[in-house]
Structures are given as structure tokens and as C-alpha cells.
């Protein structure tokens, strides 16, 4: 199988897997009322050793995507000499050659379709990987500003503000998305459901001793399995970098 065909198969897999993926569940119920003791405000710094390693998640997604792409390639109909689907007779001819028949096929004819070649990134067109990459590109510092009617999360290179209990329509990679955020117990939850793409949910909460901020990110499932990433932040007196313009 040529590299160009492998790329087409990979793109077809990701596109149709995205379109036919089951829609996400309904968003969580959230409140506009801040519960007692839910004081997230402050400057926090990522504790890498206490957090999940995102590279391990990326490798898992990579392996899953490769497996699905190989399956999609093997499911393709036989190709004739012109590069199009072969006739029924041609398909039988291919089968006999691979089965060791006496047609004198070349060695390449006797081998099963090959996996994508070196240099091909199976996650290049993955909506799940794109959402995860957005999280991974955030800086190590997180500044939270909190009031009864607004809360903001400033990562230094991006900042987002929310109205607790509010619902809005925001832009997404492939169009627009419904966004809901608010308090769920002592957690602040942000739920984003795009028209096309994986559902993203983030949960911000203090550790039981109040010394750490726990941020849990859930992506999908969509064309690939659900991603769960937990990040732990320590309170810090350091001056966080200034943020760039807000994404909101």
C-alpha cells in the first residue's frame, strides 16, 4: 500500500469516526450559588510530580489511532491496476495469490496491507488530540479571581471568565459549542459541548486540606477513547506571568 493511500485511509477514518461518534451526555447540573468554603482564588503553580503525565496519555491515543487506522486499511476493497476498487474477479485473484496459489504474484502482492509509513502522525487530524493539546500548552501558573457573579482562570498565556450558572454559545475548532459552567458542590465545573468534536469538562476544586488545587479535565469519548487528565497545583506567592488576551 502506498503512503498516499495510507494517508487517505487515515483521513477517512478520522473524518467518519468523528461524524458518526455518539453525542456526549447531557451536561452536569450546576448552580450559580457559591457554596461555603469554596474559595479557589489565588495564584497556583503546577506540581508536575503530583500530576498525571500527559505524554503517557498521548502515547495511548497514538497507539489506539494506529490500531484503528490499520483496521480501516485492512477493510478497504482490493485495488486494481488503476488504483480503483477491483472487480469481483480481481478480488478473487488477489485472494488466491495471498493464499499461495500458482499465479506467480510478487512478494508485495502476498503481503497484507502495511501500516502508515514513518513520518505520518495518526493524531494530526484527531479532534481529541487537538483538545488535549490545548490543555497541555497552558503555562504552569494559574491565577484564579473569584467573585459572587464571576470567576476567571488565567493561565498566563490564556484567560477565560465565566458567570456561575450561565449558559452561552462559544466558538470551537469546527464551529460553535454550547458552554455551561457553575458550582457542583464545592467544585467549579465548565462543560463544553461542540456541534462537532469531543465534549470537554473541567472540574476545579481544593484538596481536602485546602493546600492544593485539583483540576480534572475530561475529553470525549469521540473518535478515540475518553481522556482523563488530573493536574495538581500548589499555592504560591510567585508573581504569575501576565496573560495574553482572553479567549472569551
C-alpha atoms as a PDB file:
ATOM      1  CA  UNK A   1       0.000   0.000   0.000  1.00  0.00           C
ATOM      2  CA  UNK A   2       1.380   3.403  -0.958  1.00  0.00           C
ATOM      3  CA  UNK A   3       1.973   6.137   1.590  1.00  0.00           C
ATOM      4  CA  UNK A   4      -0.517   8.381  -0.217  1.00  0.00           C
ATOM      5  CA  UNK A   5      -3.245   5.776   0.092  1.00  0.00           C
ATOM      6  CA  UNK A   6      -2.362   5.217   3.738  1.00  0.00           C
ATOM      7  CA  UNK A   7      -2.806   8.933   4.354  1.00  0.00           C
ATOM      8  CA  UNK A   8      -6.194   8.917   2.598  1.00  0.00           C
ATOM      9  CA  UNK A   9      -7.348   5.964   4.664  1.00  0.00           C
ATOM     10  CA  UNK A  10      -6.174   7.635   7.863  1.00  0.00           C
ATOM     11  CA  UNK A  11      -8.007  10.853   6.997  1.00  0.00           C
ATOM     12  CA  UNK A  12     -11.159   8.928   6.048  1.00  0.00           C
ATOM     13  CA  UNK A  13     -11.055   7.035   9.348  1.00  0.00           C
ATOM     14  CA  UNK A  14     -10.732  10.180  11.436  1.00  0.00           C
ATOM     15  CA  UNK A  15     -13.360  12.096   9.480  1.00  0.00           C
ATOM     16  CA  UNK A  16     -16.057   9.435   9.534  1.00  0.00           C
ATOM     17  CA  UNK A  17     -15.251   8.376  13.087  1.00  0.00           C
ATOM     18  CA  UNK A  18     -15.793  11.981  14.133  1.00  0.00           C
ATOM     19  CA  UNK A  19     -19.041  12.372  12.221  1.00  0.00           C
ATOM     20  CA  UNK A  20     -20.525   9.075  13.400  1.00  0.00           C
ATOM     21  CA  UNK A  21     -19.346   9.251  17.006  1.00  0.00           C
ATOM     22  CA  UNK A  22     -22.067   9.117  19.601  1.00  0.00           C
ATOM     23  CA  UNK A  23     -23.015  12.510  21.046  1.00  0.00           C
ATOM     24  CA  UNK A  24     -21.929  13.301  24.574  1.00  0.00           C
ATOM     25  CA  UNK A  25     -24.221  13.024  27.536  1.00  0.00           C
ATOM     26  CA  UNK A  26     -26.163  15.993  28.841  1.00  0.00           C
ATOM     27  CA  UNK A  27     -24.168  18.468  30.861  1.00  0.00           C
ATOM     28  CA  UNK A  28     -23.962  18.320  34.650  1.00  0.00           C
ATOM     29  CA  UNK A  29     -26.352  20.273  36.803  1.00  0.00           C
ATOM     30  CA  UNK A  30     -24.611  23.331  38.165  1.00  0.00           C
ATOM     31  CA  UNK A  31     -25.569  26.187  40.461  1.00  0.00           C
ATOM     32  CA  UNK A  32     -24.895  29.899  40.444  1.00  0.00           C
ATOM     33  CA  UNK A  33     -24.614  29.915  44.248  1.00  0.00           C
ATOM     34  CA  UNK A  34     -21.107  29.618  45.643  1.00  0.00           C
ATOM     35  CA  UNK A  35     -21.047  27.090  48.491  1.00  0.00           C
ATOM     36  CA  UNK A  36     -19.370  27.895  51.788  1.00  0.00           C
ATOM     37  CA  UNK A  37     -15.664  27.058  51.820  1.00  0.00           C
ATOM     38  CA  UNK A  38     -15.247  27.024  48.027  1.00  0.00           C
ATOM     39  CA  UNK A  39     -12.545  29.694  47.868  1.00  0.00           C
ATOM     40  CA  UNK A  40     -10.454  28.887  44.798  1.00  0.00           C
ATOM     41  CA  UNK A  41      -8.995  32.355  44.419  1.00  0.00           C
ATOM     42  CA  UNK A  42      -5.220  32.677  44.436  1.00  0.00           C
ATOM     43  CA  UNK A  43      -2.077  32.002  42.439  1.00  0.00           C
ATOM     44  CA  UNK A  44      -1.267  28.353  41.831  1.00  0.00           C
ATOM     45  CA  UNK A  45       1.717  26.581  40.273  1.00  0.00           C
ATOM     46  CA  UNK A  46       1.578  23.210  38.577  1.00  0.00           C
ATOM     47  CA  UNK A  47       3.138  20.349  40.528  1.00  0.00           C
ATOM     48  CA  UNK A  48       4.380  18.069  37.749  1.00  0.00           C
ATOM     49  CA  UNK A  49       5.354  15.166  40.003  1.00  0.00           C
ATOM     50  CA  UNK A  50       1.898  15.024  41.612  1.00  0.00           C
ATOM     51  CA  UNK A  51       0.049  15.360  38.293  1.00  0.00           C
ATOM     52  CA  UNK A  52      -0.709  12.901  35.507  1.00  0.00           C
ATOM     53  CA  UNK A  53       1.926  12.697  32.769  1.00  0.00           C
ATOM     54  CA  UNK A  54       0.147  13.899  29.595  1.00  0.00           C
ATOM     55  CA  UNK A  55       2.772  12.260  27.368  1.00  0.00           C
ATOM     56  CA  UNK A  56       1.617   8.842  28.553  1.00  0.00           C
ATOM     57  CA  UNK A  57      -1.925   9.775  27.535  1.00  0.00           C
ATOM     58  CA  UNK A  58      -0.666  10.968  24.139  1.00  0.00           C
ATOM     59  CA  UNK A  59       1.105   7.638  23.596  1.00  0.00           C
ATOM     60  CA  UNK A  60      -2.068   5.738  24.471  1.00  0.00           C
ATOM     61  CA  UNK A  61      -4.065   7.808  21.971  1.00  0.00           C
ATOM     62  CA  UNK A  62      -1.342   7.310  19.354  1.00  0.00           C
ATOM     63  CA  UNK A  63      -1.450   3.529  19.751  1.00  0.00           C
ATOM     64  CA  UNK A  64      -5.256   3.473  19.604  1.00  0.00           C
ATOM     65  CA  UNK A  65      -5.327   5.646  16.473  1.00  0.00           C
ATOM     66  CA  UNK A  66      -2.746   3.438  14.752  1.00  0.00           C
ATOM     67  CA  UNK A  67      -4.767   0.342  15.575  1.00  0.00           C
ATOM     68  CA  UNK A  68      -7.945   1.863  14.138  1.00  0.00           C
ATOM     69  CA  UNK A  69      -6.163   3.102  11.029  1.00  0.00           C
ATOM     70  CA  UNK A  70      -4.692  -0.350  10.374  1.00  0.00           C
ATOM     71  CA  UNK A  71      -8.158  -1.845  10.773  1.00  0.00           C
ATOM     72  CA  UNK A  72      -9.599   0.706   8.343  1.00  0.00           C
ATOM     73  CA  UNK A  73      -6.868  -0.030   5.782  1.00  0.00           C
ATOM     74  CA  UNK A  74      -7.400  -3.772   6.011  1.00  0.00           C
ATOM     75  CA  UNK A  75     -11.125  -3.255   5.488  1.00  0.00           C
ATOM     76  CA  UNK A  76     -10.574  -1.396   2.175  1.00  0.00           C
ATOM     77  CA  UNK A  77     -11.670  -3.236  -1.020  1.00  0.00           C
ATOM     78  CA  UNK A  78      -8.905  -4.643  -3.282  1.00  0.00           C
ATOM     79  CA  UNK A  79      -7.364  -2.069  -5.650  1.00  0.00           C
ATOM     80  CA  UNK A  80      -6.990  -2.756  -9.366  1.00  0.00           C
ATOM     81  CA  UNK A  81      -4.081  -1.628 -11.528  1.00  0.00           C
ATOM     82  CA  UNK A  82      -5.660   1.817 -11.953  1.00  0.00           C
ATOM     83  CA  UNK A  83      -5.864   2.348  -8.198  1.00  0.00           C
ATOM     84  CA  UNK A  84      -9.641   1.867  -8.007  1.00  0.00           C
ATOM     85  CA  UNK A  85     -11.748  -0.877  -6.432  1.00  0.00           C
ATOM     86  CA  UNK A  86     -11.133  -4.163  -8.193  1.00  0.00           C
ATOM     87  CA  UNK A  87     -13.808  -6.299  -9.815  1.00  0.00           C
ATOM     88  CA  UNK A  88     -15.142  -9.394  -8.137  1.00  0.00           C
ATOM     89  CA  UNK A  89     -12.893 -11.484 -10.323  1.00  0.00           C
ATOM     90  CA  UNK A  90      -9.941  -9.298  -9.436  1.00  0.00           C
ATOM     91  CA  UNK A  91     -10.753  -9.705  -5.768  1.00  0.00           C
ATOM     92  CA  UNK A  92     -10.709 -13.485  -6.147  1.00  0.00           C
ATOM     93  CA  UNK A  93      -7.401 -13.239  -7.978  1.00  0.00           C
ATOM     94  CA  UNK A  94      -5.880 -11.251  -5.086  1.00  0.00           C
ATOM     95  CA  UNK A  95      -7.174 -13.766  -2.580  1.00  0.00           C
ATOM     96  CA  UNK A  96      -5.618 -16.711  -4.423  1.00  0.00           C
ATOM     97  CA  UNK A  97      -2.235 -15.027  -4.684  1.00  0.00           C
ATOM     98  CA  UNK A  98      -2.188 -14.238  -0.972  1.00  0.00           C
ATOM     99  CA  UNK A  99      -3.225 -17.783  -0.231  1.00  0.00           C
ATOM    100  CA  UNK A 100      -0.195 -19.185  -2.019  1.00  0.00           C
ATOM    101  CA  UNK A 101      -1.901 -20.011  -5.343  1.00  0.00           C
ATOM    102  CA  UNK A 102       0.012 -20.540  -8.570  1.00  0.00           C
ATOM    103  CA  UNK A 103      -0.489 -17.101 -10.080  1.00  0.00           C
ATOM    104  CA  UNK A 104       3.109 -16.034  -9.656  1.00  0.00           C
ATOM    105  CA  UNK A 105       2.357 -12.831  -7.741  1.00  0.00           C
ATOM    106  CA  UNK A 106       5.245 -10.713  -6.462  1.00  0.00           C
ATOM    107  CA  UNK A 107       6.250 -10.686  -2.826  1.00  0.00           C
ATOM    108  CA  UNK A 108       4.416  -7.374  -2.292  1.00  0.00           C
ATOM    109  CA  UNK A 109       1.214  -8.945  -3.588  1.00  0.00           C
ATOM    110  CA  UNK A 110       1.466 -11.702  -1.000  1.00  0.00           C
ATOM    111  CA  UNK A 111       1.849  -9.346   1.971  1.00  0.00           C
ATOM    112  CA  UNK A 112      -1.065  -7.792   3.868  1.00  0.00           C
ATOM    113  CA  UNK A 113      -1.581  -4.014   3.672  1.00  0.00           C
ATOM    114  CA  UNK A 114       1.108  -2.138   5.537  1.00  0.00           C
ATOM    115  CA  UNK A 115       0.698   0.372   8.335  1.00  0.00           C
ATOM    116  CA  UNK A 116       1.281   4.091   7.657  1.00  0.00           C
ATOM    117  CA  UNK A 117       4.910   4.835   6.970  1.00  0.00           C
ATOM    118  CA  UNK A 118       7.416   6.822   9.022  1.00  0.00           C
ATOM    119  CA  UNK A 119       6.645  10.489   9.463  1.00  0.00           C
ATOM    120  CA  UNK A 120       2.892  10.067   9.441  1.00  0.00           C
ATOM    121  CA  UNK A 121       1.219  11.365  12.597  1.00  0.00           C
ATOM    122  CA  UNK A 122      -2.004   9.396  13.227  1.00  0.00           C
ATOM    123  CA  UNK A 123      -3.164  12.133  15.640  1.00  0.00           C
ATOM    124  CA  UNK A 124      -2.680  15.003  13.221  1.00  0.00           C
ATOM    125  CA  UNK A 125      -6.410  15.248  12.424  1.00  0.00           C
ATOM    126  CA  UNK A 126      -7.659  13.958  15.771  1.00  0.00           C
ATOM    127  CA  UNK A 127     -10.205  16.282  17.468  1.00  0.00           C
ATOM    128  CA  UNK A 128      -9.459  14.552  20.783  1.00  0.00           C
ATOM    129  CA  UNK A 129      -5.720  15.226  20.458  1.00  0.00           C
ATOM    130  CA  UNK A 130      -6.374  18.845  19.484  1.00  0.00           C
ATOM    131  CA  UNK A 131      -8.432  19.371  22.660  1.00  0.00           C
ATOM    132  CA  UNK A 132      -5.752  17.701  24.789  1.00  0.00           C
ATOM    133  CA  UNK A 133      -3.013  19.778  23.182  1.00  0.00           C
ATOM    134  CA  UNK A 134      -4.844  22.968  24.140  1.00  0.00           C
ATOM    135  CA  UNK A 135      -4.653  21.881  27.786  1.00  0.00           C
ATOM    136  CA  UNK A 136      -1.015  20.826  27.526  1.00  0.00           C
ATOM    137  CA  UNK A 137       0.003  24.203  26.097  1.00  0.00           C
ATOM    138  CA  UNK A 138      -1.152  26.115  29.159  1.00  0.00           C
ATOM    139  CA  UNK A 139       1.552  27.611  31.328  1.00  0.00           C
ATOM    140  CA  UNK A 140       2.455  26.209  34.745  1.00  0.00           C
ATOM    141  CA  UNK A 141       0.846  29.156  36.536  1.00  0.00           C
ATOM    142  CA  UNK A 142      -2.867  29.560  37.160  1.00  0.00           C
ATOM    143  CA  UNK A 143      -4.368  32.682  38.705  1.00  0.00           C
ATOM    144  CA  UNK A 144      -7.992  32.419  39.832  1.00  0.00           C
ATOM    145  CA  UNK A 145     -10.066  35.506  40.536  1.00  0.00           C
ATOM    146  CA  UNK A 146     -13.408  34.923  42.150  1.00  0.00           C
ATOM    147  CA  UNK A 147     -16.493  36.985  42.986  1.00  0.00           C
ATOM    148  CA  UNK A 148     -20.157  36.052  43.560  1.00  0.00           C
ATOM    149  CA  UNK A 149     -21.066  36.752  39.942  1.00  0.00           C
ATOM    150  CA  UNK A 150     -17.858  35.886  38.063  1.00  0.00           C
ATOM    151  CA  UNK A 151     -14.853  33.581  38.166  1.00  0.00           C
ATOM    152  CA  UNK A 152     -11.800  33.700  35.906  1.00  0.00           C
ATOM    153  CA  UNK A 153      -8.988  31.239  35.202  1.00  0.00           C
ATOM    154  CA  UNK A 154      -5.817  32.933  33.959  1.00  0.00           C
ATOM    155  CA  UNK A 155      -3.064  30.582  32.762  1.00  0.00           C
ATOM    156  CA  UNK A 156      -0.680  33.344  31.751  1.00  0.00           C
ATOM    157  CA  UNK A 157      -0.973  32.564  28.034  1.00  0.00           C
ATOM    158  CA  UNK A 158      -4.771  32.355  28.003  1.00  0.00           C
ATOM    159  CA  UNK A 159      -7.558  33.580  30.273  1.00  0.00           C
ATOM    160  CA  UNK A 160     -11.234  32.650  30.497  1.00  0.00           C
ATOM    161  CA  UNK A 161     -14.035  34.217  32.531  1.00  0.00           C
ATOM    162  CA  UNK A 162     -17.355  32.597  33.454  1.00  0.00           C
ATOM    163  CA  UNK A 163     -20.645  33.559  35.045  1.00  0.00           C
ATOM    164  CA  UNK A 164     -21.648  30.863  37.557  1.00  0.00           C
ATOM    165  CA  UNK A 165     -24.806  29.109  36.406  1.00  0.00           C
ATOM    166  CA  UNK A 166     -24.551  30.744  32.993  1.00  0.00           C
ATOM    167  CA  UNK A 167     -25.016  29.248  29.551  1.00  0.00           C
ATOM    168  CA  UNK A 168     -23.511  30.624  26.367  1.00  0.00           C
ATOM    169  CA  UNK A 169     -22.508  29.746  22.815  1.00  0.00           C
ATOM    170  CA  UNK A 170     -18.763  29.913  22.185  1.00  0.00           C
ATOM    171  CA  UNK A 171     -16.509  29.263  19.218  1.00  0.00           C
ATOM    172  CA  UNK A 172     -14.888  25.858  18.783  1.00  0.00           C
ATOM    173  CA  UNK A 173     -12.446  24.253  16.377  1.00  0.00           C
ATOM    174  CA  UNK A 174     -15.157  23.104  13.970  1.00  0.00           C
ATOM    175  CA  UNK A 175     -17.852  25.712  14.552  1.00  0.00           C
ATOM    176  CA  UNK A 176     -19.604  26.604  17.771  1.00  0.00           C
ATOM    177  CA  UNK A 177     -20.252  24.906  21.103  1.00  0.00           C
ATOM    178  CA  UNK A 178     -22.700  25.119  23.994  1.00  0.00           C
ATOM    179  CA  UNK A 179     -20.978  26.117  27.221  1.00  0.00           C
ATOM    180  CA  UNK A 180     -22.337  25.749  30.744  1.00  0.00           C
ATOM    181  CA  UNK A 181     -20.487  26.464  33.960  1.00  0.00           C
ATOM    182  CA  UNK A 182     -21.229  26.721  37.646  1.00  0.00           C
ATOM    183  CA  UNK A 183     -20.843  25.163  41.051  1.00  0.00           C
ATOM    184  CA  UNK A 184     -21.334  21.455  41.607  1.00  0.00           C
ATOM    185  CA  UNK A 185     -20.860  21.054  45.323  1.00  0.00           C
ATOM    186  CA  UNK A 186     -17.523  22.723  46.062  1.00  0.00           C
ATOM    187  CA  UNK A 187     -16.235  22.109  42.548  1.00  0.00           C
ATOM    188  CA  UNK A 188     -16.457  24.660  39.786  1.00  0.00           C
ATOM    189  CA  UNK A 189     -17.394  22.861  36.569  1.00  0.00           C
ATOM    190  CA  UNK A 190     -17.024  24.038  32.983  1.00  0.00           C
ATOM    191  CA  UNK A 191     -18.853  21.925  30.395  1.00  0.00           C
ATOM    192  CA  UNK A 192     -18.383  22.493  26.650  1.00  0.00           C
ATOM    193  CA  UNK A 193     -20.314  20.526  24.031  1.00  0.00           C
ATOM    194  CA  UNK A 194     -19.390  21.402  20.415  1.00  0.00           C
ATOM    195  CA  UNK A 195     -21.518  20.721  17.367  1.00  0.00           C
ATOM    196  CA  UNK A 196     -18.700  18.539  16.034  1.00  0.00           C
ATOM    197  CA  UNK A 197     -15.961  17.390  18.356  1.00  0.00           C
ATOM    198  CA  UNK A 198     -15.421  15.852  21.783  1.00  0.00           C
ATOM    199  CA  UNK A 199     -17.239  17.097  24.859  1.00  0.00           C
ATOM    200  CA  UNK A 200     -14.840  18.798  27.286  1.00  0.00           C
ATOM    201  CA  UNK A 201     -15.464  19.063  31.014  1.00  0.00           C
ATOM    202  CA  UNK A 202     -13.148  20.664  33.563  1.00  0.00           C
ATOM    203  CA  UNK A 203     -13.546  20.486  37.330  1.00  0.00           C
ATOM    204  CA  UNK A 204     -11.715  22.833  39.722  1.00  0.00           C
ATOM    205  CA  UNK A 205     -11.654  22.012  43.440  1.00  0.00           C
ATOM    206  CA  UNK A 206      -9.473  22.330  46.519  1.00  0.00           C
ATOM    207  CA  UNK A 207      -7.801  19.307  48.069  1.00  0.00           C
ATOM    208  CA  UNK A 208      -9.252  18.211  51.452  1.00  0.00           C
ATOM    209  CA  UNK A 209      -6.525  20.127  53.326  1.00  0.00           C
ATOM    210  CA  UNK A 210      -7.073  23.232  51.193  1.00  0.00           C
ATOM    211  CA  UNK A 211      -3.398  23.472  50.230  1.00  0.00           C
ATOM    212  CA  UNK A 212      -3.701  22.264  46.662  1.00  0.00           C
ATOM    213  CA  UNK A 213      -5.914  22.926  43.673  1.00  0.00           C
ATOM    214  CA  UNK A 214      -7.068  19.848  41.780  1.00  0.00           C
ATOM    215  CA  UNK A 215      -8.013  20.353  38.134  1.00  0.00           C
ATOM    216  CA  UNK A 216      -9.617  17.387  36.369  1.00  0.00           C
ATOM    217  CA  UNK A 217     -10.084  17.507  32.601  1.00  0.00           C
ATOM    218  CA  UNK A 218     -12.296  15.027  30.757  1.00  0.00           C
ATOM    219  CA  UNK A 219     -12.317  14.906  26.944  1.00  0.00           C
ATOM    220  CA  UNK A 220     -14.672  12.726  24.899  1.00  0.00           C
ATOM    221  CA  UNK A 221     -15.122   9.955  24.116  1.00  0.00           C
ATOM    222  CA  UNK A 222     -15.294  10.913  20.453  1.00  0.00           C
ATOM    223  CA  UNK A 223     -13.278   9.322  17.645  1.00  0.00           C
ATOM    224  CA  UNK A 224     -10.925   7.956  20.320  1.00  0.00           C
ATOM    225  CA  UNK A 225     -11.428   6.807  23.898  1.00  0.00           C
ATOM    226  CA  UNK A 226     -12.185   9.222  26.718  1.00  0.00           C
ATOM    227  CA  UNK A 227      -9.249  11.172  28.103  1.00  0.00           C
ATOM    228  CA  UNK A 228      -8.971  11.851  31.841  1.00  0.00           C
ATOM    229  CA  UNK A 229      -6.191  14.190  32.939  1.00  0.00           C
ATOM    230  CA  UNK A 230      -5.671  15.269  36.565  1.00  0.00           C
ATOM    231  CA  UNK A 231      -3.383  18.163  37.400  1.00  0.00           C
ATOM    232  CA  UNK A 232      -2.349  19.252  40.898  1.00  0.00           C
ATOM    233  CA  UNK A 233      -1.386  22.847  41.689  1.00  0.00           C
ATOM    234  CA  UNK A 234       0.369  24.198  44.785  1.00  0.00           C
ATOM    235  CA  UNK A 235      -0.374  27.597  46.264  1.00  0.00           C
ATOM    236  CA  UNK A 236       2.449  30.042  45.536  1.00  0.00           C
ATOM    237  CA  UNK A 237       3.457  33.617  46.319  1.00  0.00           C
ATOM    238  CA  UNK A 238       5.251  33.938  43.000  1.00  0.00           C
ATOM    239  CA  UNK A 239       4.166  36.589  40.538  1.00  0.00           C
ATOM    240  CA  UNK A 240       2.465  34.833  37.655  1.00  0.00           C
ATOM    241  CA  UNK A 241       3.246  35.933  34.083  1.00  0.00           C
ATOM    242  CA  UNK A 242       0.879  38.457  32.561  1.00  0.00           C
ATOM    243  CA  UNK A 243      -1.840  36.893  30.477  1.00  0.00           C
ATOM    244  CA  UNK A 244      -2.414  37.421  26.813  1.00  0.00           C
ATOM    245  CA  UNK A 245      -5.865  38.493  25.561  1.00  0.00           C
ATOM    246  CA  UNK A 246      -8.782  36.455  26.839  1.00  0.00           C
ATOM    247  CA  UNK A 247     -10.265  33.719  24.645  1.00  0.00           C
ATOM    248  CA  UNK A 248     -13.750  34.718  25.714  1.00  0.00           C
END
